[in-house]
């Protein structure tokens, strides 16, 4: 799995649905970016396509 730094996570978060992102934040924060994205993908599985196409990240 790709390690995601805070700068990359900040860029990724711009592409996320606000309500889903806030839900995950409420459930998990503080947590690692990888844990955050794993949970977010449970709510929005299609977001894998954004991660791959925009950031070359496979989950």
N, C-alpha and C. Protein backbone atom coordinates (compact mmCIF):
# COMPACT_ATOMS: atom_id res chain seq x y z
N UNK A 1 0.83 -1.18 0.00
CA UNK A 1 0.00 0.00 0.00
C UNK A 1 0.88 1.25 0.00
N UNK A 2 0.45 2.24 -0.69
CA UNK A 2 1.16 3.51 -0.79
C UNK A 2 1.01 4.29 0.51
N UNK A 3 2.13 4.81 1.03
CA UNK A 3 2.07 5.72 2.16
C UNK A 3 1.64 7.08 1.64
N UNK A 4 0.71 7.69 2.33
CA UNK A 4 0.16 8.97 1.91
C UNK A 4 0.54 10.03 2.94
N UNK A 5 1.22 11.07 2.48
CA UNK A 5 1.60 12.14 3.40
C UNK A 5 0.45 13.16 3.50
N UNK A 6 0.61 14.10 4.42
CA UNK A 6 -0.47 15.06 4.67
C UNK A 6 -0.73 15.96 3.47
N UNK A 7 0.30 16.33 2.75
CA UNK A 7 0.12 17.19 1.56
C UNK A 7 -0.73 16.47 0.52
N UNK A 8 -0.44 15.20 0.29
CA UNK A 8 -1.24 14.42 -0.67
C UNK A 8 -2.66 14.23 -0.16
N UNK A 9 -2.80 13.96 1.13
CA UNK A 9 -4.14 13.79 1.71
C UNK A 9 -4.97 15.05 1.56
N UNK A 10 -4.34 16.20 1.75
CA UNK A 10 -5.05 17.47 1.57
C UNK A 10 -5.56 17.61 0.14
N UNK A 11 -4.73 17.21 -0.83
CA UNK A 11 -5.14 17.27 -2.23
C UNK A 11 -6.26 16.28 -2.52
N UNK A 12 -6.16 15.09 -1.98
CA UNK A 12 -7.20 14.06 -2.19
C UNK A 12 -8.53 14.52 -1.61
N UNK A 13 -8.49 15.15 -0.45
CA UNK A 13 -9.73 15.53 0.23
C UNK A 13 -10.59 16.50 -0.59
N UNK A 14 -9.96 17.27 -1.47
CA UNK A 14 -10.70 18.20 -2.32
C UNK A 14 -11.66 17.44 -3.24
N UNK A 15 -11.31 16.22 -3.62
CA UNK A 15 -12.12 15.42 -4.53
C UNK A 15 -13.22 14.64 -3.81
N UNK A 16 -13.17 14.59 -2.48
CA UNK A 16 -14.13 13.79 -1.72
C UNK A 16 -15.46 14.50 -1.54
N UNK A 17 -16.50 13.70 -1.41
CA UNK A 17 -17.82 14.21 -1.06
C UNK A 17 -17.75 14.77 0.37
N UNK A 18 -18.21 16.00 0.56
CA UNK A 18 -18.10 16.65 1.87
C UNK A 18 -18.77 15.87 2.98
N UNK A 19 -19.98 15.40 2.75
CA UNK A 19 -20.73 14.70 3.79
C UNK A 19 -20.04 13.38 4.18
N UNK A 20 -19.58 12.65 3.19
CA UNK A 20 -18.90 11.38 3.48
C UNK A 20 -17.57 11.63 4.17
N UNK A 21 -16.84 12.63 3.73
CA UNK A 21 -15.55 12.97 4.36
C UNK A 21 -15.75 13.36 5.82
N UNK A 22 -16.77 14.16 6.10
CA UNK A 22 -17.05 14.57 7.47
C UNK A 22 -17.49 13.38 8.33
N UNK A 23 -18.26 12.48 7.76
CA UNK A 23 -18.69 11.28 8.48
C UNK A 23 -17.47 10.46 8.91
N UNK A 24 -16.54 10.24 7.98
CA UNK A 24 -15.34 9.47 8.29
C UNK A 24 -14.50 10.21 9.33
N UNK A 25 -14.37 11.50 9.19
CA UNK A 25 -13.61 12.29 10.15
C UNK A 25 -14.20 12.13 11.55
N UNK A 26 -15.52 12.22 11.65
CA UNK A 26 -16.20 12.09 12.94
C UNK A 26 -15.98 10.70 13.54
N UNK A 27 -16.01 9.67 12.68
CA UNK A 27 -15.86 8.29 13.14
C UNK A 27 -14.43 7.97 13.57
N UNK A 28 -13.42 8.44 12.82
CA UNK A 28 -12.06 7.92 12.98
C UNK A 28 -11.01 8.89 13.50
N UNK A 29 -11.18 10.15 13.28
CA UNK A 29 -10.09 11.08 13.61
C UNK A 29 -9.77 11.06 15.10
N UNK A 30 -8.50 11.07 15.45
CA UNK A 30 -7.33 11.06 14.57
C UNK A 30 -7.01 9.64 14.09
N UNK A 31 -6.51 9.57 12.88
CA UNK A 31 -6.12 8.28 12.29
C UNK A 31 -5.12 8.54 11.17
N UNK A 32 -4.59 7.46 10.62
CA UNK A 32 -3.65 7.62 9.51
C UNK A 32 -4.44 7.95 8.24
N UNK A 33 -3.79 8.60 7.28
CA UNK A 33 -4.46 8.85 6.01
C UNK A 33 -4.95 7.54 5.35
N UNK A 34 -4.16 6.48 5.47
CA UNK A 34 -4.54 5.21 4.85
C UNK A 34 -5.82 4.65 5.47
N UNK A 35 -5.93 4.74 6.80
CA UNK A 35 -7.14 4.26 7.48
C UNK A 35 -8.34 5.12 7.08
N UNK A 36 -8.11 6.42 6.97
CA UNK A 36 -9.18 7.33 6.57
C UNK A 36 -9.69 6.97 5.18
N UNK A 37 -8.78 6.77 4.25
CA UNK A 37 -9.18 6.46 2.87
C UNK A 37 -9.85 5.09 2.80
N UNK A 38 -9.35 4.11 3.53
CA UNK A 38 -10.00 2.80 3.53
C UNK A 38 -11.46 2.91 3.95
N UNK A 39 -11.71 3.66 5.02
CA UNK A 39 -13.10 3.84 5.48
C UNK A 39 -13.90 4.65 4.46
N UNK A 40 -13.31 5.68 3.91
CA UNK A 40 -14.02 6.49 2.91
C UNK A 40 -14.42 5.62 1.72
N UNK A 41 -13.56 4.72 1.30
CA UNK A 41 -13.86 3.84 0.17
C UNK A 41 -15.00 2.87 0.47
N UNK A 42 -15.22 2.56 1.74
CA UNK A 42 -16.37 1.74 2.10
C UNK A 42 -17.67 2.50 1.80
N UNK A 43 -17.63 3.80 1.96
CA UNK A 43 -18.81 4.64 1.70
C UNK A 43 -18.93 5.04 0.23
N UNK A 44 -17.82 5.11 -0.45
CA UNK A 44 -17.78 5.56 -1.85
C UNK A 44 -16.77 4.72 -2.63
N UNK A 45 -17.13 3.46 -2.95
CA UNK A 45 -16.19 2.55 -3.62
C UNK A 45 -15.67 3.09 -4.96
N UNK A 46 -16.45 3.86 -5.66
CA UNK A 46 -16.03 4.41 -6.94
C UNK A 46 -14.90 5.42 -6.83
N UNK A 47 -14.63 5.88 -5.63
CA UNK A 47 -13.54 6.85 -5.42
C UNK A 47 -12.18 6.24 -5.73
N UNK A 48 -12.11 4.92 -5.78
CA UNK A 48 -10.86 4.25 -6.17
C UNK A 48 -10.40 4.75 -7.53
N UNK A 49 -11.35 5.02 -8.42
CA UNK A 49 -11.02 5.51 -9.76
C UNK A 49 -10.34 6.88 -9.70
N UNK A 50 -10.82 7.74 -8.81
CA UNK A 50 -10.21 9.06 -8.65
C UNK A 50 -8.79 8.92 -8.10
N UNK A 51 -8.63 8.07 -7.10
CA UNK A 51 -7.30 7.86 -6.53
C UNK A 51 -6.31 7.39 -7.58
N UNK A 52 -6.75 6.48 -8.44
CA UNK A 52 -5.87 5.93 -9.47
C UNK A 52 -5.59 6.97 -10.56
N UNK A 53 -6.63 7.60 -11.07
CA UNK A 53 -6.45 8.49 -12.22
C UNK A 53 -5.78 9.82 -11.85
N UNK A 54 -6.07 10.35 -10.68
CA UNK A 54 -5.54 11.66 -10.31
C UNK A 54 -4.23 11.59 -9.52
N UNK A 55 -4.05 10.48 -8.76
CA UNK A 55 -2.90 10.41 -7.84
C UNK A 55 -2.04 9.17 -8.03
N UNK A 56 -2.42 8.31 -8.96
CA UNK A 56 -1.72 7.07 -9.21
C UNK A 56 -1.57 6.24 -7.93
N UNK A 57 -2.67 6.18 -7.15
CA UNK A 57 -2.71 5.43 -5.91
C UNK A 57 -3.70 4.29 -6.07
N UNK A 58 -3.25 3.08 -5.77
CA UNK A 58 -4.12 1.90 -5.79
C UNK A 58 -4.47 1.49 -4.37
N UNK A 59 -5.75 1.28 -4.15
CA UNK A 59 -6.20 0.78 -2.86
C UNK A 59 -6.92 -0.52 -3.07
